[in-house]
N, C-alpha and C. Protein backbone atom coordinates (compact mmCIF):
# COMPACT_ATOMS: atom_id res chain seq x y z
N MET A 1 31.50 -24.80 -6.16
CA MET A 1 29.96 -25.01 -6.23
C MET A 1 29.58 -24.16 -4.74
N ARG A 2 30.58 -24.31 -3.96
CA ARG A 2 30.13 -23.16 -2.53
C ARG A 2 29.43 -22.04 -3.24
N LEU A 3 30.68 -21.51 -4.02
CA LEU A 3 30.51 -19.84 -4.29
C LEU A 3 29.08 -19.82 -5.17
N ILE A 4 28.64 -20.58 -5.79
CA ILE A 4 27.39 -20.47 -6.69
C ILE A 4 26.26 -20.55 -5.79
N ILE A 5 26.34 -21.53 -4.79
CA ILE A 5 25.45 -21.43 -3.65
C ILE A 5 25.36 -19.99 -2.87
N THR A 6 26.35 -19.44 -2.44
CA THR A 6 26.34 -18.47 -1.66
C THR A 6 25.97 -17.48 -2.73
N LEU A 7 26.39 -17.14 -3.88
CA LEU A 7 25.52 -16.24 -4.53
C LEU A 7 24.36 -16.43 -4.98
N ALA A 8 24.10 -17.37 -5.04
CA ALA A 8 22.26 -17.65 -4.99
C ALA A 8 21.38 -17.26 -3.81
N VAL A 9 22.19 -17.41 -2.94
CA VAL A 9 21.40 -17.16 -1.43
C VAL A 9 21.66 -15.37 -1.54
N ALA A 10 22.76 -15.19 -1.56
CA ALA A 10 22.47 -13.25 -1.42
C ALA A 10 21.56 -12.62 -2.47
N GLY A 11 21.89 -13.41 -3.56
CA GLY A 11 20.55 -13.01 -4.65
C GLY A 11 18.89 -13.17 -4.08
N ALA A 12 18.83 -14.18 -3.66
CA ALA A 12 18.01 -14.08 -2.88
C ALA A 12 17.18 -13.48 -2.10
N GLY A 13 17.84 -13.05 -1.26
CA GLY A 13 18.18 -12.28 -0.21
C GLY A 13 18.14 -10.73 -0.46
N ILE A 14 18.80 -10.46 -1.28
CA ILE A 14 18.35 -8.54 -2.24
C ILE A 14 17.09 -8.92 -2.68
N ALA A 15 16.46 -10.01 -3.45
CA ALA A 15 14.96 -9.98 -4.16
C ALA A 15 14.27 -9.78 -2.53
N LEU A 16 14.19 -10.41 -1.84
CA LEU A 16 13.29 -10.05 -0.54
C LEU A 16 13.43 -9.04 0.24
N ALA A 17 14.37 -8.42 0.12
CA ALA A 17 14.40 -7.04 0.73
C ALA A 17 14.06 -5.94 0.10
N GLN A 18 14.16 -6.18 -1.61
CA GLN A 18 13.83 -5.30 -2.37
C GLN A 18 11.97 -5.49 -2.50
N SER A 19 11.75 -6.52 -2.55
CA SER A 19 10.00 -6.63 -2.73
C SER A 19 9.69 -6.20 -1.18
N ALA A 20 10.31 -6.36 -0.35
CA ALA A 20 9.65 -5.87 1.59
C ALA A 20 9.76 -4.32 1.39
N ALA A 21 10.55 -3.57 1.06
CA ALA A 21 10.89 -2.42 0.87
C ALA A 21 9.85 -1.53 -0.33
N ALA A 22 9.43 -2.40 -1.09
CA ALA A 22 8.00 -2.00 -2.12
C ALA A 22 7.04 -1.54 -1.26
N ASP A 23 6.57 -1.94 -0.42
CA ASP A 23 5.25 -1.49 -0.07
C ASP A 23 5.52 -0.76 1.67
N THR A 24 6.85 0.03 1.74
CA THR A 24 6.86 0.37 2.82
C THR A 24 7.17 2.08 2.30
N LEU A 25 6.79 2.82 3.25
CA LEU A 25 6.84 4.76 2.86
C LEU A 25 7.50 5.02 4.15
N ARG A 26 8.68 5.72 3.51
CA ARG A 26 9.15 6.53 4.98
C ARG A 26 8.93 7.85 4.89
N CYS A 27 8.70 7.95 6.29
CA CYS A 27 7.70 9.61 6.41
C CYS A 27 8.98 10.20 7.87
N GLY A 28 10.21 10.93 7.18
CA GLY A 28 11.22 11.13 8.73
C GLY A 28 11.65 9.99 8.70
N ALA A 29 11.58 9.56 9.79
CA ALA A 29 12.26 8.23 10.67
C ALA A 29 11.56 7.22 10.56
N VAL A 30 9.93 7.68 10.68
CA VAL A 30 9.18 6.86 10.96
C VAL A 30 8.77 5.83 9.51
N LEU A 31 8.50 4.72 9.45
CA LEU A 31 8.28 3.83 8.19
C LEU A 31 6.57 3.30 8.71
N ILE A 32 6.43 3.60 6.87
CA ILE A 32 4.70 3.08 7.03
C ILE A 32 4.29 2.03 6.36
N ARG A 33 3.28 0.95 6.79
CA ARG A 33 3.44 -0.02 6.15
C ARG A 33 1.70 -0.28 5.74
N PRO A 34 1.63 -1.41 5.12
CA PRO A 34 -0.18 -1.80 5.17
C PRO A 34 -0.44 -2.38 6.55
N GLY A 35 -1.19 -2.05 6.78
CA GLY A 35 -2.29 -2.30 8.23
C GLY A 35 -1.79 -1.16 9.16
N ASP A 36 -1.06 -0.17 8.83
CA ASP A 36 -0.92 0.91 9.58
C ASP A 36 -2.28 1.69 9.91
N ASP A 37 -2.53 2.62 10.87
CA ASP A 37 -3.87 3.44 10.96
C ASP A 37 -3.58 4.45 10.41
N ALA A 38 -4.68 5.07 9.84
CA ALA A 38 -4.73 6.21 8.49
C ALA A 38 -4.38 7.53 9.64
N LEU A 39 -4.67 7.64 10.82
CA LEU A 39 -4.47 8.85 12.05
C LEU A 39 -2.97 8.65 11.99
N TYR A 40 -2.20 7.45 12.30
CA TYR A 40 -0.87 7.14 12.36
C TYR A 40 0.10 8.05 11.15
N VAL A 41 -0.61 7.53 9.88
CA VAL A 41 -0.05 8.26 8.69
C VAL A 41 -0.04 9.70 8.93
N LEU A 42 -1.16 10.36 9.30
CA LEU A 42 -1.47 11.43 8.85
C LEU A 42 -0.65 12.04 10.17
N GLU A 43 -0.34 11.60 11.39
CA GLU A 43 0.26 12.13 12.31
C GLU A 43 1.83 12.49 12.11
N LYS A 44 2.48 11.53 11.26
CA LYS A 44 3.69 11.16 11.14
C LYS A 44 4.34 11.81 9.54
N CYS A 45 3.56 11.58 8.67
CA CYS A 45 3.60 12.65 7.10
C CYS A 45 2.78 13.85 6.89
N VAL A 46 3.40 14.46 5.99
CA VAL A 46 2.45 15.27 5.84
C VAL A 46 1.25 15.15 5.50
N GLU A 47 0.37 16.17 5.29
CA GLU A 47 -0.91 16.30 4.62
C GLU A 47 -1.05 15.28 3.37
N PRO A 48 -1.97 15.01 2.69
CA PRO A 48 -2.39 14.31 1.06
C PRO A 48 -2.38 15.39 0.35
N ARG A 49 -1.86 15.31 -0.73
CA ARG A 49 -1.92 16.75 -1.66
C ARG A 49 -3.00 16.56 -2.35
N ALA A 50 -3.44 15.32 -2.54
CA ALA A 50 -5.21 14.96 -3.05
C ALA A 50 -5.80 14.14 -2.65
N THR A 51 -6.88 13.53 -2.56
CA THR A 51 -7.65 12.48 -1.69
C THR A 51 -8.74 12.17 -2.42
N THR A 52 -8.87 11.05 -3.24
CA THR A 52 -10.23 10.52 -4.14
C THR A 52 -10.74 9.22 -3.01
N THR A 53 -12.39 9.64 -2.97
CA THR A 53 -13.15 8.49 -2.70
C THR A 53 -13.23 7.77 -3.76
N ILE A 54 -13.48 6.22 -3.43
CA ILE A 54 -13.82 5.03 -3.95
C ILE A 54 -14.86 4.29 -3.86
N ARG A 55 -16.19 3.95 -4.13
CA ARG A 55 -17.36 3.08 -3.37
C ARG A 55 -17.14 1.81 -3.92
N GLN A 56 -17.09 0.91 -3.65
CA GLN A 56 -16.70 -0.59 -4.25
C GLN A 56 -17.99 -1.29 -3.68
N PRO A 57 -18.68 -2.19 -4.52
CA PRO A 57 -19.74 -2.83 -4.33
C PRO A 57 -19.29 -4.13 -3.50
N GLY A 58 -20.40 -4.59 -2.46
CA GLY A 58 -19.51 -5.78 -1.87
C GLY A 58 -20.66 -6.59 -2.18
N TRP A 59 -20.26 -7.80 -2.13
CA TRP A 59 -21.07 -8.79 -2.70
C TRP A 59 -21.19 -10.36 -1.61
N TRP A 60 -22.11 -11.02 -1.78
CA TRP A 60 -22.19 -12.15 -1.42
C TRP A 60 -22.54 -13.38 -1.95
N TRP A 61 -21.47 -14.42 -1.70
CA TRP A 61 -21.61 -15.75 -2.66
C TRP A 61 -22.43 -16.70 -1.84
N GLU A 62 -23.69 -17.30 -1.93
CA GLU A 62 -24.08 -18.40 -1.33
C GLU A 62 -24.74 -19.32 -2.06
N GLY A 63 -24.87 -20.27 -1.77
CA GLY A 63 -25.49 -21.75 -2.07
C GLY A 63 -24.70 -22.46 -3.36
N ALA A 64 -25.05 -23.59 -3.73
CA ALA A 64 -24.98 -24.25 -4.76
C ALA A 64 -25.27 -23.73 -5.82
N ASP A 65 -25.77 -22.58 -6.14
CA ASP A 65 -26.65 -22.13 -7.35
C ASP A 65 -25.84 -21.17 -7.50
N SER A 66 -25.11 -20.66 -6.64
CA SER A 66 -23.68 -19.69 -6.83
C SER A 66 -24.15 -18.15 -7.61
N ASN A 67 -24.87 -17.91 -7.05
CA ASN A 67 -25.67 -16.67 -7.08
C ASN A 67 -24.75 -15.82 -6.18
N LEU A 68 -24.55 -14.22 -6.75
CA LEU A 68 -24.26 -12.96 -5.70
C LEU A 68 -25.24 -12.60 -5.59
N TYR A 69 -25.18 -11.85 -4.22
CA TYR A 69 -25.97 -10.91 -3.93
C TYR A 69 -25.51 -9.63 -3.19
N PRO A 70 -26.16 -8.32 -3.70
CA PRO A 70 -25.33 -6.97 -3.12
C PRO A 70 -25.43 -6.79 -1.96
N ILE A 71 -24.33 -6.42 -0.92
CA ILE A 71 -24.38 -6.54 0.45
C ILE A 71 -24.49 -5.41 1.05
N GLY A 72 -23.84 -4.14 -0.20
CA GLY A 72 -23.40 -2.83 0.36
C GLY A 72 -22.30 -2.54 -0.26
N PHE A 73 -21.74 -1.51 0.30
CA PHE A 73 -20.79 -0.35 -0.29
C PHE A 73 -19.47 -0.51 0.73
N ALA A 74 -18.49 -0.49 0.20
CA ALA A 74 -17.24 -0.37 0.95
C ALA A 74 -16.73 0.98 0.75
N GLN A 75 -16.08 1.66 1.19
CA GLN A 75 -15.62 3.16 0.85
C GLN A 75 -13.93 3.34 0.89
N LEU A 76 -13.57 3.39 -0.27
CA LEU A 76 -11.97 3.44 0.09
C LEU A 76 -11.47 4.79 -0.34
N GLN A 77 -10.21 4.97 0.25
CA GLN A 77 -9.71 5.92 -0.23
C GLN A 77 -8.17 6.51 -0.72
N ARG A 78 -7.77 6.87 -1.73
CA ARG A 78 -6.76 7.28 -2.13
C ARG A 78 -6.19 8.00 -1.64
N TRP A 79 -5.06 8.47 -1.25
CA TRP A 79 -4.01 9.72 -0.88
C TRP A 79 -2.79 9.18 -1.77
N ARG A 80 -2.38 11.18 -2.07
CA ARG A 80 -1.49 11.06 -2.84
C ARG A 80 -0.43 11.96 -2.06
N ILE A 81 0.54 11.12 -1.76
CA ILE A 81 1.51 12.06 -0.67
C ILE A 81 2.99 12.51 -1.46
N ALA A 82 2.99 14.04 -1.35
CA ALA A 82 4.18 14.81 -2.28
C ALA A 82 5.48 14.22 -0.91
N ARG A 83 6.10 13.95 -1.68
CA ARG A 83 7.30 13.26 -0.38
C ARG A 83 8.84 14.59 -0.95
N GLU A 84 10.26 14.01 -0.31
CA GLU A 84 11.13 15.19 -0.43
C GLU A 84 11.47 15.35 -1.94
N PRO A 85 11.76 16.51 -2.33
CA PRO A 85 11.99 16.52 -3.64
C PRO A 85 13.07 15.44 -4.49
N GLY A 86 12.84 14.87 -5.64
CA GLY A 86 13.89 13.80 -5.99
C GLY A 86 13.17 12.64 -5.99
N GLN A 87 11.88 12.80 -4.89
CA GLN A 87 11.69 11.28 -4.50
C GLN A 87 10.24 11.11 -5.19
N PHE A 88 9.88 9.90 -5.41
CA PHE A 88 8.57 9.57 -6.50
C PHE A 88 7.38 10.29 -5.13
N PRO A 89 6.56 10.32 -5.91
CA PRO A 89 5.15 10.58 -4.77
C PRO A 89 4.49 9.22 -4.34
N ALA A 90 3.92 9.38 -3.15
CA ALA A 90 3.21 7.77 -2.94
C ALA A 90 1.75 7.59 -3.06
N LEU A 91 1.35 6.63 -3.57
CA LEU A 91 -0.58 6.70 -3.34
C LEU A 91 -0.23 5.66 -2.24
N LEU A 92 -1.39 6.12 -1.48
CA LEU A 92 -2.13 4.76 -0.50
C LEU A 92 -3.18 4.75 -0.42
N THR A 93 -3.71 3.58 -0.59
CA THR A 93 -4.94 3.12 -0.36
C THR A 93 -5.15 2.94 1.21
N ILE A 94 -6.59 3.93 1.46
CA ILE A 94 -6.90 3.59 3.07
C ILE A 94 -8.21 2.65 2.82
N GLY A 95 -8.47 1.79 3.65
CA GLY A 95 -9.62 1.21 3.56
C GLY A 95 -10.43 0.91 4.31
N ALA A 96 -11.61 1.12 4.11
CA ALA A 96 -12.90 1.04 5.10
C ALA A 96 -13.05 1.07 6.24
N ASP A 97 -11.93 -0.05 7.16
CA ASP A 97 -11.43 -0.05 8.53
C ASP A 97 -10.42 0.99 8.69
N GLY A 98 -10.39 2.31 8.16
CA GLY A 98 -9.34 3.15 8.31
C GLY A 98 -7.95 2.75 8.51
N ARG A 99 -7.49 1.77 7.88
CA ARG A 99 -5.99 1.30 7.64
C ARG A 99 -5.53 1.17 6.21
N VAL A 100 -4.47 1.51 6.65
CA VAL A 100 -3.72 1.65 5.05
C VAL A 100 -3.64 -0.05 4.66
N GLU A 101 -4.18 -0.02 3.20
CA GLU A 101 -4.26 -1.70 2.48
C GLU A 101 -2.83 -1.69 1.66
N THR A 102 -2.53 -0.41 0.74
CA THR A 102 -1.16 -0.64 -0.28
C THR A 102 -0.76 0.48 -0.50
N ILE A 103 0.65 0.58 -0.57
CA ILE A 103 1.21 1.54 -0.71
C ILE A 103 2.26 1.66 -2.05
N GLU A 104 1.97 2.48 -2.43
CA GLU A 104 2.30 2.60 -4.45
C GLU A 104 3.20 3.76 -4.56
N PHE A 105 4.42 3.68 -5.52
CA PHE A 105 4.96 4.91 -5.87
C PHE A 105 4.76 5.29 -7.41
N GLU A 106 4.48 6.25 -7.58
CA GLU A 106 4.37 6.98 -8.66
C GLU A 106 5.49 6.96 -9.80
N ARG A 107 5.49 6.72 -10.86
CA ARG A 107 6.28 6.74 -11.89
C ARG A 107 7.58 7.95 -12.21
N ARG A 108 6.63 8.77 -11.66
CA ARG A 108 7.07 9.90 -12.39
C ARG A 108 7.16 11.25 -11.20
N ARG A 109 8.25 12.12 -10.95
CA ARG A 109 8.54 12.96 -10.05
C ARG A 109 8.05 14.42 -10.15
N ASN A 110 7.99 14.47 -9.04
CA ASN A 110 6.99 16.22 -8.57
C ASN A 110 7.59 17.27 -9.82
């Protein structure tokens, strides 16, 4: 019984470690995570190969009548960062506040 519990705990630990690593980008000896400043990413990583600007509308929900009102636009940026040979390129979403929102990895190599 102890062996089963030990294996279950070890498996859960491995699963948590993999999910934590999924949104972390290594640039040299530095780890980039969501919430890091975009200027910090530019200092520690290479310049992005491609950037895309996305404008998303902002909405305000008000009152019992459940109306949505447009309040403006938020500008997001998507950066594609090429990594070392043999590693998948990274896609970073930079929010309107200038911080990394998400880190994704492309499924194909350079």
